[in-house]
Structure formats: C-alpha cells, structure tokens
Amino acid sequence: DFRPAHFISEMEIKRGESPFLKMESGISISENT
C-alpha cells in the first residue's frame, strides 16, 4: 500500500523574540527536514 502523505508543512524559527526564518514546505523536502 502507499503510505499516506505526512510531512512538515511549516517550521518557524525565532531568535529571542524576533522572527528568524519561517519555512512553508511540502513533500519535496527530505526526511527529517
């Protein structure tokens, strides 16, 4: 059977209280992001 799609869709990184990076992603990013 095909495994269902299950992936990190958003990762938000802050430095202290300041936004650092915000990545919206999908199936094209490798395992473990």
PDB file of all heavy atoms in Angstrom:
ATOM      1  N   ASP A   1       0.843  -1.192   0.000  1.00  0.00           N
ATOM      2  CA  ASP A   1       0.000   0.000   0.000  1.00  0.00           C
ATOM      3  C   ASP A   1       0.883   1.249   0.000  1.00  0.00           C
ATOM      4  O   ASP A   1       2.013   1.219   0.504  1.00  0.00           O
ATOM      5  CB  ASP A   1      -0.909   0.038   1.233  1.00  0.00           C
ATOM      6  CG  ASP A   1      -1.946  -1.058   1.221  1.00  0.00           C
ATOM      7  OD1 ASP A   1      -2.379  -1.445   0.125  1.00  0.00           O
ATOM      8  OD2 ASP A   1      -2.313  -1.531   2.319  1.00  0.00           O
ATOM      9  N   PHE A   2       0.358   2.335  -0.523  1.00  0.00           N
ATOM     10  CA  PHE A   2       1.082   3.592  -0.481  1.00  0.00           C
ATOM     11  C   PHE A   2       0.938   4.219   0.904  1.00  0.00           C
ATOM     12  O   PHE A   2      -0.169   4.283   1.451  1.00  0.00           O
ATOM     13  CB  PHE A   2       0.574   4.563  -1.553  1.00  0.00           C
ATOM     14  CG  PHE A   2       1.020   4.199  -2.935  1.00  0.00           C
ATOM     15  CD1 PHE A   2       0.178   3.485  -3.785  1.00  0.00           C
ATOM     16  CD2 PHE A   2       2.283   4.545  -3.387  1.00  0.00           C
ATOM     17  CE1 PHE A   2       0.588   3.139  -5.058  1.00  0.00           C
ATOM     18  CE2 PHE A   2       2.700   4.207  -4.662  1.00  0.00           C
ATOM     19  CZ  PHE A   2       1.851   3.502  -5.502  1.00  0.00           C
ATOM     20  N   ARG A   3       2.043   4.650   1.445  1.00  0.00           N
ATOM     21  CA  ARG A   3       1.986   5.328   2.732  1.00  0.00           C
ATOM     22  C   ARG A   3       1.344   6.701   2.554  1.00  0.00           C
ATOM     23  O   ARG A   3       1.636   7.407   1.601  1.00  0.00           O
ATOM     24  CB  ARG A   3       3.400   5.493   3.294  1.00  0.00           C
ATOM     25  CG  ARG A   3       4.085   4.171   3.622  1.00  0.00           C
ATOM     26  CD  ARG A   3       5.523   4.381   4.034  1.00  0.00           C
ATOM     27  NE  ARG A   3       6.178   3.106   4.358  1.00  0.00           N
ATOM     28  CZ  ARG A   3       7.480   2.974   4.609  1.00  0.00           C
ATOM     29  NH1 ARG A   3       8.267   4.052   4.567  1.00  0.00           N
ATOM     30  NH2 ARG A   3       7.980   1.787   4.891  1.00  0.00           N
ATOM     31  N   PRO A   4       0.483   7.110   3.468  1.00  0.00           N
ATOM     32  CA  PRO A   4      -0.168   8.421   3.324  1.00  0.00           C
ATOM     33  C   PRO A   4       0.843   9.556   3.446  1.00  0.00           C
ATOM     34  O   PRO A   4       1.861   9.442   4.130  1.00  0.00           O
ATOM     35  CB  PRO A   4      -1.169   8.443   4.480  1.00  0.00           C
ATOM     36  CG  PRO A   4      -0.644   7.461   5.475  1.00  0.00           C
ATOM     37  CD  PRO A   4       0.033   6.387   4.680  1.00  0.00           C
ATOM     38  N   ALA A   5       0.560  10.635   2.758  1.00  0.00           N
ATOM     39  CA  ALA A   5       1.425  11.816   2.846  1.00  0.00           C
ATOM     40  C   ALA A   5       1.437  12.340   4.285  1.00  0.00           C
ATOM     41  O   ALA A   5       0.387  12.537   4.886  1.00  0.00           O
ATOM     42  CB  ALA A   5       0.943  12.898   1.888  1.00  0.00           C
ATOM     43  N   HIS A   6       2.607  12.541   4.821  1.00  0.00           N
ATOM     44  CA  HIS A   6       2.765  13.003   6.199  1.00  0.00           C
ATOM     45  C   HIS A   6       4.070  13.777   6.256  1.00  0.00           C
ATOM     46  O   HIS A   6       5.151  13.200   6.235  1.00  0.00           O
ATOM     47  CB  HIS A   6       2.791  11.804   7.151  1.00  0.00           C
ATOM     48  CG  HIS A   6       2.756  12.174   8.603  1.00  0.00           C
ATOM     49  ND1 HIS A   6       3.042  11.289   9.615  1.00  0.00           N
ATOM     50  CD2 HIS A   6       2.455  13.358   9.226  1.00  0.00           C
ATOM     51  CE1 HIS A   6       2.926  11.884  10.789  1.00  0.00           C
ATOM     52  NE2 HIS A   6       2.571  13.141  10.575  1.00  0.00           N
ATOM     53  N   PHE A   7       3.987  15.101   6.300  1.00  0.00           N
ATOM     54  CA  PHE A   7       5.186  15.917   6.159  1.00  0.00           C
ATOM     55  C   PHE A   7       5.084  17.194   6.987  1.00  0.00           C
ATOM     56  O   PHE A   7       3.997  17.657   7.318  1.00  0.00           O
ATOM     57  CB  PHE A   7       5.410  16.290   4.685  1.00  0.00           C
ATOM     58  CG  PHE A   7       4.206  16.916   4.021  1.00  0.00           C
ATOM     59  CD1 PHE A   7       3.963  18.273   4.123  1.00  0.00           C
ATOM     60  CD2 PHE A   7       3.308  16.137   3.303  1.00  0.00           C
ATOM     61  CE1 PHE A   7       2.854  18.853   3.526  1.00  0.00           C
ATOM     62  CE2 PHE A   7       2.196  16.699   2.703  1.00  0.00           C
ATOM     63  CZ  PHE A   7       1.966  18.060   2.807  1.00  0.00           C
ATOM     64  N   ILE A   8       6.239  17.749   7.315  1.00  0.00           N
ATOM     65  CA  ILE A   8       6.295  19.057   7.963  1.00  0.00           C
ATOM     66  C   ILE A   8       5.836  20.116   6.968  1.00  0.00           C
ATOM     67  O   ILE A   8       6.403  20.254   5.888  1.00  0.00           O
ATOM     68  CB  ILE A   8       7.720  19.376   8.451  1.00  0.00           C
ATOM     69  CG1 ILE A   8       8.151  18.411   9.548  1.00  0.00           C
ATOM     70  CG2 ILE A   8       7.816  20.817   8.943  1.00  0.00           C
ATOM     71  CD1 ILE A   8       7.401  18.562  10.851  1.00  0.00           C
ATOM     72  N   SER A   9       4.796  20.839   7.326  1.00  0.00           N
ATOM     73  CA  SER A   9       4.269  21.867   6.423  1.00  0.00           C
ATOM     74  C   SER A   9       4.745  23.270   6.791  1.00  0.00           C
ATOM     75  O   SER A   9       4.696  24.176   5.952  1.00  0.00           O
ATOM     76  CB  SER A   9       2.735  21.830   6.420  1.00  0.00           C
ATOM     77  OG  SER A   9       2.227  21.978   7.735  1.00  0.00           O
ATOM     78  N   GLU A  10       5.204  23.446   8.036  1.00  0.00           N
ATOM     79  CA  GLU A  10       5.690  24.771   8.434  1.00  0.00           C
ATOM     80  C   GLU A  10       6.697  24.637   9.571  1.00  0.00           C
ATOM     81  O   GLU A  10       6.499  23.844  10.484  1.00  0.00           O
ATOM     82  CB  GLU A  10       4.517  25.645   8.874  1.00  0.00           C
ATOM     83  CG  GLU A  10       4.906  27.083   9.210  1.00  0.00           C
ATOM     84  CD  GLU A  10       3.691  27.945   9.501  1.00  0.00           C
ATOM     85  OE1 GLU A  10       2.938  28.230   8.546  1.00  0.00           O
ATOM     86  OE2 GLU A  10       3.476  28.300  10.668  1.00  0.00           O
ATOM     87  N   MET A  11       7.770  25.371   9.477  1.00  0.00           N
ATOM     88  CA  MET A  11       8.750  25.447  10.548  1.00  0.00           C
ATOM     89  C   MET A  11       9.075  26.914  10.789  1.00  0.00           C
ATOM     90  O   MET A  11       9.515  27.624   9.885  1.00  0.00           O
ATOM     91  CB  MET A  11      10.032  24.681  10.204  1.00  0.00           C
ATOM     92  CG  MET A  11      11.081  24.731  11.316  1.00  0.00           C
ATOM     93  SD  MET A  11      12.658  23.954  10.860  1.00  0.00           S
ATOM     94  CE  MET A  11      12.157  22.245  10.711  1.00  0.00           C
ATOM     95  N   GLU A  12       8.842  27.361  12.010  1.00  0.00           N
ATOM     96  CA  GLU A  12       9.096  28.760  12.368  1.00  0.00           C
ATOM     97  C   GLU A  12      10.201  28.821  13.408  1.00  0.00           C
ATOM     98  O   GLU A  12      10.118  28.186  14.458  1.00  0.00           O
ATOM     99  CB  GLU A  12       7.830  29.407  12.908  1.00  0.00           C
ATOM    100  CG  GLU A  12       7.989  30.885  13.219  1.00  0.00           C
ATOM    101  CD  GLU A  12       6.675  31.540  13.629  1.00  0.00           C
ATOM    102  OE1 GLU A  12       5.687  30.811  13.791  1.00  0.00           O
ATOM    103  OE2 GLU A  12       6.660  32.775  13.784  1.00  0.00           O
ATOM    104  N   ILE A  13      11.243  29.576  13.087  1.00  0.00           N
ATOM    105  CA  ILE A  13      12.387  29.729  13.983  1.00  0.00           C
ATOM    106  C   ILE A  13      12.438  31.174  14.457  1.00  0.00           C
ATOM    107  O   ILE A  13      12.344  32.108  13.658  1.00  0.00           O
ATOM    108  CB  ILE A  13      13.708  29.371  13.274  1.00  0.00           C
ATOM    109  CG1 ILE A  13      13.643  27.944  12.720  1.00  0.00           C
ATOM    110  CG2 ILE A  13      14.896  29.516  14.230  1.00  0.00           C
ATOM    111  CD1 ILE A  13      14.871  27.556  11.910  1.00  0.00           C
ATOM    112  N   LYS A  14      12.581  31.350  15.778  1.00  0.00           N
ATOM    113  CA  LYS A  14      12.749  32.683  16.347  1.00  0.00           C
ATOM    114  C   LYS A  14      14.108  32.789  17.018  1.00  0.00           C
ATOM    115  O   LYS A  14      14.621  31.812  17.570  1.00  0.00           O
ATOM    116  CB  LYS A  14      11.645  32.978  17.367  1.00  0.00           C
ATOM    117  CG  LYS A  14      10.283  33.196  16.746  1.00  0.00           C
ATOM    118  CD  LYS A  14       9.274  33.637  17.794  1.00  0.00           C
ATOM    119  CE  LYS A  14       7.936  33.947  17.163  1.00  0.00           C
ATOM    120  NZ  LYS A  14       6.953  34.409  18.178  1.00  0.00           N
ATOM    121  N   ARG A  15      14.647  33.983  17.003  1.00  0.00           N
ATOM    122  CA  ARG A  15      15.894  34.298  17.700  1.00  0.00           C
ATOM    123  C   ARG A  15      15.522  35.255  18.820  1.00  0.00           C
ATOM    124  O   ARG A  15      15.236  36.422  18.566  1.00  0.00           O
ATOM    125  CB  ARG A  15      16.879  34.930  16.729  1.00  0.00           C
ATOM    126  CG  ARG A  15      18.241  35.222  17.300  1.00  0.00           C
ATOM    127  CD  ARG A  15      19.111  35.796  16.196  1.00  0.00           C
ATOM    128  NE  ARG A  15      20.466  35.998  16.623  1.00  0.00           N
ATOM    129  CZ  ARG A  15      21.428  36.464  15.840  1.00  0.00           C
ATOM    130  NH1 ARG A  15      21.165  36.758  14.557  1.00  0.00           N
ATOM    131  NH2 ARG A  15      22.653  36.639  16.293  1.00  0.00           N
ATOM    132  N   GLY A  16      15.471  34.747  20.038  1.00  0.00           N
ATOM    133  CA  GLY A  16      14.876  35.527  21.108  1.00  0.00           C
ATOM    134  C   GLY A  16      13.404  35.696  20.803  1.00  0.00           C
ATOM    135  O   GLY A  16      12.690  34.729  20.572  1.00  0.00           O
ATOM    136  N   GLU A  17      12.922  36.927  20.749  1.00  0.00           N
ATOM    137  CA  GLU A  17      11.532  37.206  20.407  1.00  0.00           C
ATOM    138  C   GLU A  17      11.382  37.631  18.954  1.00  0.00           C
ATOM    139  O   GLU A  17      10.271  37.908  18.498  1.00  0.00           O
ATOM    140  CB  GLU A  17      10.975  38.309  21.320  1.00  0.00           C
ATOM    141  CG  GLU A  17      10.925  37.927  22.792  1.00  0.00           C
ATOM    142  CD  GLU A  17      10.046  36.723  23.029  1.00  0.00           C
ATOM    143  OE1 GLU A  17       8.968  36.642  22.394  1.00  0.00           O
ATOM    144  OE2 GLU A  17      10.417  35.851  23.843  1.00  0.00           O
ATOM    145  N   SER A  18      12.493  37.662  18.220  1.00  0.00           N
ATOM    146  CA  SER A  18      12.469  38.174  16.849  1.00  0.00           C
ATOM    147  C   SER A  18      12.331  37.038  15.833  1.00  0.00           C
ATOM    148  O   SER A  18      13.059  36.044  15.906  1.00  0.00           O
ATOM    149  CB  SER A  18      13.755  38.958  16.568  1.00  0.00           C
ATOM    150  OG  SER A  18      13.751  39.484  15.260  1.00  0.00           O
ATOM    151  N   PRO A  19      11.415  37.157  14.871  1.00  0.00           N
ATOM    152  CA  PRO A  19      11.315  36.139  13.817  1.00  0.00           C
ATOM    153  C   PRO A  19      12.637  35.991  13.068  1.00  0.00           C
ATOM    154  O   PRO A  19      13.275  36.980  12.706  1.00  0.00           O
ATOM    155  CB  PRO A  19      10.223  36.692  12.900  1.00  0.00           C
ATOM    156  CG  PRO A  19       9.415  37.602  13.761  1.00  0.00           C
ATOM    157  CD  PRO A  19      10.406  38.217  14.715  1.00  0.00           C
ATOM    158  N   PHE A  20      13.040  34.748  12.848  1.00  0.00           N
ATOM    159  CA  PHE A  20      14.316  34.462  12.184  1.00  0.00           C
ATOM    160  C   PHE A  20      14.057  33.893  10.791  1.00  0.00           C
ATOM    161  O   PHE A  20      14.331  34.547   9.797  1.00  0.00           O
ATOM    162  CB  PHE A  20      15.118  33.474  13.041  1.00  0.00           C
ATOM    163  CG  PHE A  20      16.530  33.260  12.574  1.00  0.00           C
ATOM    164  CD1 PHE A  20      17.513  34.195  12.857  1.00  0.00           C
ATOM    165  CD2 PHE A  20      16.869  32.124  11.862  1.00  0.00           C
ATOM    166  CE1 PHE A  20      18.825  34.002  12.425  1.00  0.00           C
ATOM    167  CE2 PHE A  20      18.174  31.914  11.428  1.00  0.00           C
ATOM    168  CZ  PHE A  20      19.156  32.854  11.707  1.00  0.00           C
ATOM    169  N   LEU A  21      13.529  32.695  10.721  1.00  0.00           N
ATOM    170  CA  LEU A  21      13.122  32.088   9.453  1.00  0.00           C
ATOM    171  C   LEU A  21      11.752  31.448   9.645  1.00  0.00           C
ATOM    172  O   LEU A  21      11.456  30.884  10.687  1.00  0.00           O
ATOM    173  CB  LEU A  21      14.094  30.996   9.006  1.00  0.00           C
ATOM    174  CG  LEU A  21      15.526  31.357   8.634  1.00  0.00           C
ATOM    175  CD1 LEU A  21      16.296  30.092   8.297  1.00  0.00           C
ATOM    176  CD2 LEU A  21      15.552  32.317   7.461  1.00  0.00           C
ATOM    177  N   LYS A  22      10.934  31.502   8.602  1.00  0.00           N
ATOM    178  CA  LYS A  22       9.686  30.757   8.593  1.00  0.00           C
ATOM    179  C   LYS A  22       9.595  30.037   7.255  1.00  0.00           C
ATOM    180  O   LYS A  22       9.517  30.676   6.211  1.00  0.00           O
ATOM    181  CB  LYS A  22       8.482  31.682   8.794  1.00  0.00           C
ATOM    182  CG  LYS A  22       7.157  30.931   8.879  1.00  0.00           C
ATOM    183  CD  LYS A  22       6.022  31.888   9.174  1.00  0.00           C
ATOM    184  CE  LYS A  22       4.703  31.140   9.315  1.00  0.00           C
ATOM    185  NZ  LYS A  22       3.581  32.071   9.611  1.00  0.00           N
ATOM    186  N   MET A  23       9.622  28.708   7.308  1.00  0.00           N
ATOM    187  CA  MET A  23       9.634  27.916   6.090  1.00  0.00           C
ATOM    188  C   MET A  23       8.334  27.137   5.948  1.00  0.00           C
ATOM    189  O   MET A  23       7.993  26.324   6.796  1.00  0.00           O
ATOM    190  CB  MET A  23      10.814  26.944   6.078  1.00  0.00           C
ATOM    191  CG  MET A  23      10.898  26.102   4.800  1.00  0.00           C
ATOM    192  SD  MET A  23      12.399  25.103   4.672  1.00  0.00           S
ATOM    193  CE  MET A  23      11.987  23.756   5.800  1.00  0.00           C
ATOM    194  N   GLU A  24       7.596  27.410   4.874  1.00  0.00           N
ATOM    195  CA  GLU A  24       6.464  26.581   4.483  1.00  0.00           C
ATOM    196  C   GLU A  24       6.987  25.569   3.472  1.00  0.00           C
ATOM    197  O   GLU A  24       7.665  25.941   2.508  1.00  0.00           O
ATOM    198  CB  GLU A  24       5.352  27.429   3.867  1.00  0.00           C
ATOM    199  CG  GLU A  24       4.706  28.403   4.840  1.00  0.00           C
ATOM    200  CD  GLU A  24       3.563  29.165   4.196  1.00  0.00           C
ATOM    201  OE1 GLU A  24       2.866  28.584   3.347  1.00  0.00           O
ATOM    202  OE2 GLU A  24       3.391  30.340   4.535  1.00  0.00           O
ATOM    203  N   SER A  25       6.708  24.301   3.697  1.00  0.00           N
ATOM    204  CA  SER A  25       7.299  23.275   2.850  1.00  0.00           C
ATOM    205  C   SER A  25       6.309  22.163   2.589  1.00  0.00           C
ATOM    206  O   SER A  25       5.173  22.186   3.068  1.00  0.00           O
ATOM    207  CB  SER A  25       8.577  22.729   3.496  1.00  0.00           C
ATOM    208  OG  SER A  25       8.312  22.202   4.783  1.00  0.00           O
ATOM    209  N   GLY A  26       6.746  21.163   1.806  1.00  0.00           N
ATOM    210  CA  GLY A  26       5.869  20.062   1.442  1.00  0.00           C
ATOM    211  C   GLY A  26       6.655  18.792   1.211  1.00  0.00           C
ATOM    212  O   GLY A  26       7.687  18.550   1.844  1.00  0.00           O
ATOM    213  N   ILE A  27       6.205  17.983   0.253  1.00  0.00           N
ATOM    214  CA  ILE A  27       6.780  16.655   0.063  1.00  0.00           C
ATOM    215  C   ILE A  27       8.166  16.672  -0.557  1.00  0.00           C
ATOM    216  O   ILE A  27       8.847  15.652  -0.568  1.00  0.00           O
ATOM    217  CB  ILE A  27       5.848  15.774  -0.790  1.00  0.00           C
ATOM    218  CG1 ILE A  27       5.716  16.336  -2.221  1.00  0.00           C
ATOM    219  CG2 ILE A  27       4.488  15.626  -0.132  1.00  0.00           C
ATOM    220  CD1 ILE A  27       4.977  15.408  -3.173  1.00  0.00           C
ATOM    221  N   SER A  28       8.610  17.801  -1.095  1.00  0.00           N
ATOM    222  CA  SER A  28       9.911  17.847  -1.758  1.00  0.00           C
ATOM    223  C   SER A  28      11.085  17.973  -0.797  1.00  0.00           C
ATOM    224  O   SER A  28      12.235  17.799  -1.206  1.00  0.00           O
ATOM    225  CB  SER A  28       9.957  19.006  -2.770  1.00  0.00           C
ATOM    226  OG  SER A  28       9.048  18.782  -3.836  1.00  0.00           O
ATOM    227  N   ILE A  29      10.827  18.297   0.462  1.00  0.00           N
ATOM    228  CA  ILE A  29      11.900  18.386   1.447  1.00  0.00           C
ATOM    229  C   ILE A  29      12.185  16.989   1.998  1.00  0.00           C
ATOM    230  O   ILE A  29      11.275  16.213   2.276  1.00  0.00           O
ATOM    231  CB  ILE A  29      11.528  19.345   2.586  1.00  0.00           C
ATOM    232  CG1 ILE A  29      11.269  20.756   2.026  1.00  0.00           C
ATOM    233  CG2 ILE A  29      12.634  19.394   3.641  1.00  0.00           C
ATOM    234  CD1 ILE A  29      12.470  21.404   1.355  1.00  0.00           C
ATOM    235  N   SER A  30      13.458  16.668   2.171  1.00  0.00           N
ATOM    236  CA  SER A  30      13.861  15.325   2.568  1.00  0.00           C
ATOM    237  C   SER A  30      13.407  14.973   3.986  1.00  0.00           C
ATOM    238  O   SER A  30      13.005  15.841   4.766  1.00  0.00           O
ATOM    239  CB  SER A  30      15.386  15.191   2.483  1.00  0.00           C
ATOM    240  OG  SER A  30      15.836  15.359   1.162  1.00  0.00           O
ATOM    241  N   GLU A  31      13.507  13.703   4.287  1.00  0.00           N
ATOM    242  CA  GLU A  31      13.199  13.176   5.616  1.00  0.00           C
ATOM    243  C   GLU A  31      13.937  13.969   6.693  1.00  0.00           C
ATOM    244  O   GLU A  31      15.080  14.381   6.522  1.00  0.00           O
ATOM    245  CB  GLU A  31      13.643  11.712   5.655  1.00  0.00           C
ATOM    246  CG  GLU A  31      13.362  10.972   6.937  1.00  0.00           C
ATOM    247  CD  GLU A  31      13.801   9.514   6.858  1.00  0.00           C
ATOM    248  OE1 GLU A  31      14.511   9.165   5.887  1.00  0.00           O
ATOM    249  OE2 GLU A  31      13.434   8.741   7.746  1.00  0.00           O
ATOM    250  N   ASN A  32      13.256  14.215   7.805  1.00  0.00           N
ATOM    251  CA  ASN A  32      13.796  14.911   8.984  1.00  0.00           C
ATOM    252  C   ASN A  32      14.012  16.407   8.788  1.00  0.00           C
ATOM    253  O   ASN A  32      14.585  17.073   9.658  1.00  0.00           O
ATOM    254  CB  ASN A  32      15.091  14.259   9.478  1.00  0.00           C
ATOM    255  CG  ASN A  32      14.869  12.842   9.968  1.00  0.00           C
ATOM    256  OD1 ASN A  32      13.814  12.509  10.494  1.00  0.00           O
ATOM    257  ND2 ASN A  32      15.856  11.982   9.772  1.00  0.00           N
ATOM    258  N   THR A  33      13.560  16.964   7.683  1.00  0.00           N
ATOM    259  CA  THR A  33      13.557  18.410   7.447  1.00  0.00           C
ATOM    260  C   THR A  33      14.877  19.076   7.859  1.00  0.00           C
ATOM    261  O   THR A  33      14.904  19.956   8.730  1.00  0.00           O
ATOM    262  CB  THR A  33      12.388  19.078   8.207  1.00  0.00           C
ATOM    263  OG1 THR A  33      11.216  18.260   8.096  1.00  0.00           O
ATOM    264  CG2 THR A  33      12.074  20.453   7.627  1.00  0.00           C
TER     265      THR A  33
END
